[in-house]
PDB file of N, CA and C in Angstrom:
ATOM      1  N   MET A   1       0.790   3.260 -10.103  1.00  0.00           N
ATOM      2  CA  MET A   1      -0.088   2.977 -11.210  1.00  0.00           C
ATOM      3  C   MET A   1       0.291   3.892 -12.364  1.00  0.00           C
ATOM      4  N   ASP A   2       0.364   3.330 -13.541  1.00  0.00           N
ATOM      5  CA  ASP A   2       0.633   4.108 -14.729  1.00  0.00           C
ATOM      6  C   ASP A   2      -0.494   5.121 -14.937  1.00  0.00           C
ATOM      7  N   GLU A   3      -0.115   6.348 -15.300  1.00  0.00           N
ATOM      8  CA  GLU A   3      -1.138   7.395 -15.463  1.00  0.00           C
ATOM      9  C   GLU A   3      -2.235   7.005 -16.442  1.00  0.00           C
ATOM     10  N   GLY A   4      -1.913   6.264 -17.483  1.00  0.00           N
ATOM     11  CA  GLY A   4      -2.910   5.854 -18.461  1.00  0.00           C
ATOM     12  C   GLY A   4      -3.928   4.869 -17.917  1.00  0.00           C
ATOM     13  N   ALA A   5      -3.583   4.212 -16.811  1.00  0.00           N
ATOM     14  CA  ALA A   5      -4.486   3.230 -16.223  1.00  0.00           C
ATOM     15  C   ALA A   5      -5.260   3.788 -15.031  1.00  0.00           C
ATOM     16  N   ARG A   6      -4.949   4.995 -14.619  1.00  0.00           N
ATOM     17  CA  ARG A   6      -5.644   5.577 -13.462  1.00  0.00           C
ATOM     18  C   ARG A   6      -7.111   5.818 -13.772  1.00  0.00           C
ATOM     19  N   GLY A   7      -7.930   5.565 -12.769  1.00  0.00           N
ATOM     20  CA  GLY A   7      -9.359   5.812 -12.899  1.00  0.00           C
ATOM     21  C   GLY A   7     -10.127   4.700 -13.589  1.00  0.00           C
ATOM     22  N   LEU A   8      -9.434   3.618 -13.947  1.00  0.00           N
ATOM     23  CA  LEU A   8     -10.094   2.504 -14.637  1.00  0.00           C
ATOM     24  C   LEU A   8     -10.490   1.370 -13.690  1.00  0.00           C
ATOM     25  N   GLY A   9     -10.164   1.510 -12.412  1.00  0.00           N
ATOM     26  CA  GLY A   9     -10.524   0.483 -11.447  1.00  0.00           C
ATOM     27  C   GLY A   9      -9.491  -0.611 -11.278  1.00  0.00           C
ATOM     28  N   VAL A  10      -8.357  -0.464 -11.941  1.00  0.00           N
ATOM     29  CA  VAL A  10      -7.319  -1.507 -11.863  1.00  0.00           C
ATOM     30  C   VAL A  10      -6.752  -1.606 -10.446  1.00  0.00           C
ATOM     31  N   GLY A  11      -6.418  -0.469  -9.854  1.00  0.00           N
ATOM     32  CA  GLY A  11      -5.867  -0.470  -8.496  1.00  0.00           C
ATOM     33  C   GLY A  11      -6.829  -1.066  -7.492  1.00  0.00           C
ATOM     34  N   ALA A  12      -8.105  -0.698  -7.598  1.00  0.00           N
ATOM     35  CA  ALA A  12      -9.113  -1.240  -6.684  1.00  0.00           C
ATOM     36  C   ALA A  12      -9.261  -2.738  -6.879  1.00  0.00           C
ATOM     37  N   ALA A  13      -9.274  -3.185  -8.132  1.00  0.00           N
ATOM     38  CA  ALA A  13      -9.424  -4.615  -8.408  1.00  0.00           C
ATOM     39  C   ALA A  13      -8.243  -5.409  -7.859  1.00  0.00           C
ATOM     40  N   LEU A  14      -7.034  -4.897  -8.060  1.00  0.00           N
ATOM     41  CA  LEU A  14      -5.848  -5.593  -7.551  1.00  0.00           C
ATOM     42  C   LEU A  14      -5.826  -5.629  -6.027  1.00  0.00           C
ATOM     43  N   THR A  15      -6.156  -4.500  -5.415  1.00  0.00           N
ATOM     44  CA  THR A  15      -6.159  -4.439  -3.954  1.00  0.00           C
ATOM     45  C   THR A  15      -7.226  -5.351  -3.371  1.00  0.00           C
ATOM     46  N   ASN A  16      -8.413  -5.351  -3.964  1.00  0.00           N
ATOM     47  CA  ASN A  16      -9.490  -6.222  -3.485  1.00  0.00           C
ATOM     48  C   ASN A  16      -9.161  -7.697  -3.694  1.00  0.00           C
ATOM     49  N   ALA A  17      -8.506  -8.032  -4.795  1.00  0.00           N
ATOM     50  CA  ALA A  17      -8.098  -9.424  -5.028  1.00  0.00           C
ATOM     51  C   ALA A  17      -7.066  -9.863  -3.996  1.00  0.00           C
ATOM     52  N   ALA A  18      -6.125  -8.981  -3.690  1.00  0.00           N
ATOM     53  CA  ALA A  18      -5.121  -9.300  -2.670  1.00  0.00           C
ATOM     54  C   ALA A  18      -5.780  -9.480  -1.306  1.00  0.00           C
ATOM     55  N   ALA A  19      -6.745  -8.619  -0.980  1.00  0.00           N
ATOM     56  CA  ALA A  19      -7.444  -8.722   0.298  1.00  0.00           C
ATOM     57  C   ALA A  19      -8.255 -10.012   0.378  1.00  0.00           C
ATOM     58  N   ALA A  20      -8.895 -10.387  -0.728  1.00  0.00           N
ATOM     59  CA  ALA A  20      -9.683 -11.627  -0.746  1.00  0.00           C
ATOM     60  C   ALA A  20      -8.780 -12.839  -0.550  1.00  0.00           C
ATOM     61  N   GLU A  21      -7.630 -12.842  -1.206  1.00  0.00           N
ATOM     62  CA  GLU A  21      -6.690 -13.960  -1.040  1.00  0.00           C
ATOM     63  C   GLU A  21      -6.146 -13.996   0.381  1.00  0.00           C
ATOM     64  N   ALA A  22      -5.842 -12.832   0.932  1.00  0.00           N
ATOM     65  CA  ALA A  22      -5.364 -12.778   2.315  1.00  0.00           C
ATOM     66  C   ALA A  22      -6.411 -13.341   3.267  1.00  0.00           C
ATOM     67  N   GLN A  23      -7.664 -13.004   3.023  1.00  0.00           N
ATOM     68  CA  GLN A  23      -8.741 -13.518   3.874  1.00  0.00           C
ATOM     69  C   GLN A  23      -8.829 -15.035   3.760  1.00  0.00           C
ATOM     70  N   ARG A  24      -8.714 -15.572   2.554  1.00  0.00           N
ATOM     71  CA  ARG A  24      -8.729 -17.029   2.364  1.00  0.00           C
ATOM     72  C   ARG A  24      -7.578 -17.708   3.098  1.00  0.00           C
ATOM     73  N   GLN A  25      -6.473 -16.986   3.217  1.00  0.00           N
ATOM     74  CA  GLN A  25      -5.295 -17.529   3.894  1.00  0.00           C
ATOM     75  C   GLN A  25      -5.346 -17.330   5.404  1.00  0.00           C
ATOM     76  N   GLY A  26      -6.400 -16.702   5.896  1.00  0.00           N
ATOM     77  CA  GLY A  26      -6.564 -16.505   7.332  1.00  0.00           C
ATOM     78  C   GLY A  26      -5.894 -15.257   7.882  1.00  0.00           C
ATOM     79  N   VAL A  27      -5.484 -14.359   7.021  1.00  0.00           N
ATOM     80  CA  VAL A  27      -4.870 -13.111   7.469  1.00  0.00           C
ATOM     81  C   VAL A  27      -5.940 -12.240   8.125  1.00  0.00           C
ATOM     82  N   ARG A  28      -5.587 -11.631   9.235  1.00  0.00           N
ATOM     83  CA  ARG A  28      -6.571 -10.837   9.982  1.00  0.00           C
ATOM     84  C   ARG A  28      -6.551  -9.359   9.637  1.00  0.00           C
ATOM     85  N   SER A  29      -5.439  -8.857   9.121  1.00  0.00           N
ATOM     86  CA  SER A  29      -5.382  -7.434   8.760  1.00  0.00           C
ATOM     87  C   SER A  29      -4.327  -7.229   7.679  1.00  0.00           C
ATOM     88  N   LEU A  30      -4.487  -6.148   6.953  1.00  0.00           N
ATOM     89  CA  LEU A  30      -3.530  -5.769   5.922  1.00  0.00           C
ATOM     90  C   LEU A  30      -2.995  -4.387   6.261  1.00  0.00           C
ATOM     91  N   ASP A  31      -1.707  -4.205   6.120  1.00  0.00           N
ATOM     92  CA  ASP A  31      -1.080  -2.904   6.286  1.00  0.00           C
ATOM     93  C   ASP A  31      -0.416  -2.537   4.976  1.00  0.00           C
ATOM     94  N   LEU A  32      -0.413  -1.275   4.671  1.00  0.00           N
ATOM     95  CA  LEU A  32       0.325  -0.799   3.507  1.00  0.00           C
ATOM     96  C   LEU A  32       0.896   0.565   3.831  1.00  0.00           C
ATOM     97  N   THR A  33       1.876   0.961   3.057  1.00  0.00           N
ATOM     98  CA  THR A  33       2.455   2.288   3.215  1.00  0.00           C
ATOM     99  C   THR A  33       2.273   3.065   1.920  1.00  0.00           C
ATOM    100  N   SER A  34       2.115   4.358   2.063  1.00  0.00           N
ATOM    101  CA  SER A  34       1.946   5.227   0.914  1.00  0.00           C
ATOM    102  C   SER A  34       2.384   6.628   1.317  1.00  0.00           C
ATOM    103  N   ARG A  35       3.133   7.265   0.483  1.00  0.00           N
ATOM    104  CA  ARG A  35       3.561   8.633   0.782  1.00  0.00           C
ATOM    105  C   ARG A  35       2.360   9.569   0.784  1.00  0.00           C
ATOM    106  N   PRO A  36       2.355  10.547   1.673  1.00  0.00           N
ATOM    107  CA  PRO A  36       1.249  11.506   1.710  1.00  0.00           C
ATOM    108  C   PRO A  36       1.030  12.226   0.384  1.00  0.00           C
ATOM    109  N   SER A  37       2.076  12.404  -0.394  1.00  0.00           N
ATOM    110  CA  SER A  37       1.949  13.110  -1.672  1.00  0.00           C
ATOM    111  C   SER A  37       1.165  12.315  -2.710  1.00  0.00           C
ATOM    112  N   ARG A  38       0.963  11.042  -2.486  1.00  0.00           N
ATOM    113  CA  ARG A  38       0.202  10.198  -3.422  1.00  0.00           C
ATOM    114  C   ARG A  38      -1.281  10.301  -3.091  1.00  0.00           C
ATOM    115  N   GLU A  39      -1.825  11.465  -3.330  1.00  0.00           N
ATOM    116  CA  GLU A  39      -3.194  11.769  -2.911  1.00  0.00           C
ATOM    117  C   GLU A  39      -4.235  10.836  -3.513  1.00  0.00           C
ATOM    118  N   ALA A  40      -4.127  10.522  -4.798  1.00  0.00           N
ATOM    119  CA  ALA A  40      -5.115   9.640  -5.432  1.00  0.00           C
ATOM    120  C   ALA A  40      -5.052   8.240  -4.832  1.00  0.00           C
ATOM    121  N   ALA A  41      -3.847   7.741  -4.614  1.00  0.00           N
ATOM    122  CA  ALA A  41      -3.699   6.405  -4.024  1.00  0.00           C
ATOM    123  C   ALA A  41      -4.268   6.387  -2.610  1.00  0.00           C
ATOM    124  N   ASN A  42      -3.957   7.413  -1.831  1.00  0.00           N
ATOM    125  CA  ASN A  42      -4.468   7.458  -0.458  1.00  0.00           C
ATOM    126  C   ASN A  42      -5.984   7.551  -0.420  1.00  0.00           C
ATOM    127  N   ALA A  43      -6.560   8.289  -1.344  1.00  0.00           N
ATOM    128  CA  ALA A  43      -8.025   8.364  -1.421  1.00  0.00           C
ATOM    129  C   ALA A  43      -8.603   6.992  -1.764  1.00  0.00           C
ATOM    130  N   LEU A  44      -7.960   6.287  -2.661  1.00  0.00           N
ATOM    131  CA  LEU A  44      -8.420   4.943  -3.017  1.00  0.00           C
ATOM    132  C   LEU A  44      -8.365   4.015  -1.816  1.00  0.00           C
ATOM    133  N   TYR A  45      -7.262   4.046  -1.077  1.00  0.00           N
ATOM    134  CA  TYR A  45      -7.138   3.165   0.085  1.00  0.00           C
ATOM    135  C   TYR A  45      -8.226   3.457   1.110  1.00  0.00           C
ATOM    136  N   ARG A  46      -8.513   4.726   1.345  1.00  0.00           N
ATOM    137  CA  ARG A  46      -9.598   5.071   2.277  1.00  0.00           C
ATOM    138  C   ARG A  46     -10.937   4.564   1.741  1.00  0.00           C
ATOM    139  N   LYS A  47     -11.166   4.717   0.442  1.00  0.00           N
ATOM    140  CA  LYS A  47     -12.417   4.251  -0.173  1.00  0.00           C
ATOM    141  C   LYS A  47     -12.565   2.738  -0.022  1.00  0.00           C
ATOM    142  N   LEU A  48     -11.447   2.018  -0.036  1.00  0.00           N
ATOM    143  CA  LEU A  48     -11.474   0.562   0.080  1.00  0.00           C
ATOM    144  C   LEU A  48     -11.507   0.075   1.530  1.00  0.00           C
ATOM    145  N   GLY A  49     -11.576   1.017   2.479  1.00  0.00           N
ATOM    146  CA  GLY A  49     -11.738   0.634   3.880  1.00  0.00           C
ATOM    147  C   GLY A  49     -10.483   0.666   4.719  1.00  0.00           C
ATOM    148  N   PHE A  50      -9.368   1.055   4.154  1.00  0.00           N
ATOM    149  CA  PHE A  50      -8.148   1.190   4.947  1.00  0.00           C
ATOM    150  C   PHE A  50      -8.262   2.438   5.810  1.00  0.00           C
ATOM    151  N   GLN A  51      -7.754   2.351   7.024  1.00  0.00           N
ATOM    152  CA  GLN A  51      -7.783   3.480   7.938  1.00  0.00           C
ATOM    153  C   GLN A  51      -6.360   3.974   8.165  1.00  0.00           C
ATOM    154  N   LEU A  52      -6.190   5.288   8.157  1.00  0.00           N
ATOM    155  CA  LEU A  52      -4.892   5.883   8.395  1.00  0.00           C
ATOM    156  C   LEU A  52      -4.451   5.619   9.823  1.00  0.00           C
ATOM    157  N   ARG A  53      -3.229   5.139   9.976  1.00  0.00           N
ATOM    158  CA  ARG A  53      -2.665   4.893  11.308  1.00  0.00           C
ATOM    159  C   ARG A  53      -1.528   5.860  11.542  1.00  0.00           C
ATOM    160  N   GLU A  54      -1.427   6.338  12.746  1.00  0.00           N
ATOM    161  CA  GLU A  54      -0.298   7.189  13.123  1.00  0.00           C
ATOM    162  C   GLU A  54       0.853   6.261  13.498  1.00  0.00           C
ATOM    163  N   THR A  55       1.938   6.380  12.766  1.00  0.00           N
ATOM    164  CA  THR A  55       3.080   5.518  13.007  1.00  0.00           C
ATOM    165  C   THR A  55       4.342   6.218  12.550  1.00  0.00           C
ATOM    166  N   ASN A  56       5.457   5.695  12.939  1.00  0.00           N
ATOM    167  CA  ASN A  56       6.753   6.183  12.487  1.00  0.00           C
ATOM    168  C   ASN A  56       7.362   5.127  11.577  1.00  0.00           C
ATOM    169  N   VAL A  57       7.904   5.564  10.481  1.00  0.00           N
ATOM    170  CA  VAL A  57       8.611   4.668   9.574  1.00  0.00           C
ATOM    171  C   VAL A  57      10.053   5.137   9.529  1.00  0.00           C
ATOM    172  N   TYR A  58      10.956   4.219   9.788  1.00  0.00           N
ATOM    173  CA  TYR A  58      12.368   4.547   9.800  1.00  0.00           C
ATOM    174  C   TYR A  58      13.085   3.773   8.716  1.00  0.00           C
ATOM    175  N   ARG A  59      14.113   4.392   8.154  1.00  0.00           N
ATOM    176  CA  ARG A  59      14.925   3.717   7.148  1.00  0.00           C
ATOM    177  C   ARG A  59      16.375   4.063   7.409  1.00  0.00           C
ATOM    178  N   ARG A  60      17.212   3.082   7.289  1.00  0.00           N
ATOM    179  CA  ARG A  60      18.653   3.291   7.362  1.00  0.00           C
ATOM    180  C   ARG A  60      19.258   2.693   6.112  1.00  0.00           C
ATOM    181  N   LEU A  61      19.938   3.510   5.351  1.00  0.00           N
ATOM    182  CA  LEU A  61      20.619   3.032   4.167  1.00  0.00           C
ATOM    183  C   LEU A  61      21.963   2.448   4.576  1.00  0.00           C
ATOM    184  N   ILE A  62      22.270   1.310   4.032  1.00  0.00           N
ATOM    185  CA  ILE A  62      23.525   0.632   4.315  1.00  0.00           C
ATOM    186  C   ILE A  62      24.422   0.742   3.096  1.00  0.00           C
ATOM    187  N   LYS A  63      25.591   1.308   3.281  1.00  0.00           N
ATOM    188  CA  LYS A  63      26.544   1.421   2.200  1.00  0.00           C
ATOM    189  C   LYS A  63      27.374   0.142   2.132  1.00  0.00           C
ATOM    190  N   GLU A  64      27.789  -0.192   0.954  1.00  0.00           N
ATOM    191  CA  GLU A  64      28.601  -1.409   0.762  1.00  0.00           C
ATOM    192  C   GLU A  64      29.808  -1.431   1.683  1.00  0.00           C
ATOM    193  N   ASP A  65      30.501  -0.303   1.837  1.00  0.00           N
ATOM    194  CA  ASP A  65      31.713  -0.283   2.653  1.00  0.00           C
ATOM    195  C   ASP A  65      31.417  -0.466   4.140  1.00  0.00           C
ATOM    196  N   GLU A  66      30.170  -0.256   4.576  1.00  0.00           N
ATOM    197  CA  GLU A  66      29.811  -0.480   5.978  1.00  0.00           C
ATOM    198  C   GLU A  66      29.650  -1.965   6.282  1.00  0.00           C
ATOM    199  N   LEU A  67      29.474  -2.775   5.259  1.00  0.00           N
ATOM    200  CA  LEU A  67      29.236  -4.207   5.451  1.00  0.00           C
ATOM    201  C   LEU A  67      30.529  -4.996   5.615  1.00  0.00           C
ATOM    202  N   GLU A  68      31.654  -4.376   5.331  1.00  0.00           N
ATOM    203  CA  GLU A  68      32.938  -5.094   5.423  1.00  0.00           C
ATOM    204  C   GLU A  68      33.505  -5.094   6.796  1.00  0.00           C
TER     205      GLU A  68
END
């Protein structure tokens, strides 16, 4: 979120709209990822009812030369 838009409810409105559409589509749960350093975002997600899950996230970067 752009710093100038923080605290205006934009993030909450977008997240709630996405959740409402997901519910209309029959989705049973929503997952999202957020770095721990994004304290304001994480606080917002908790306020909106998201629960922190203990999980491992792995990433492997693929270099162009590895694809040949």
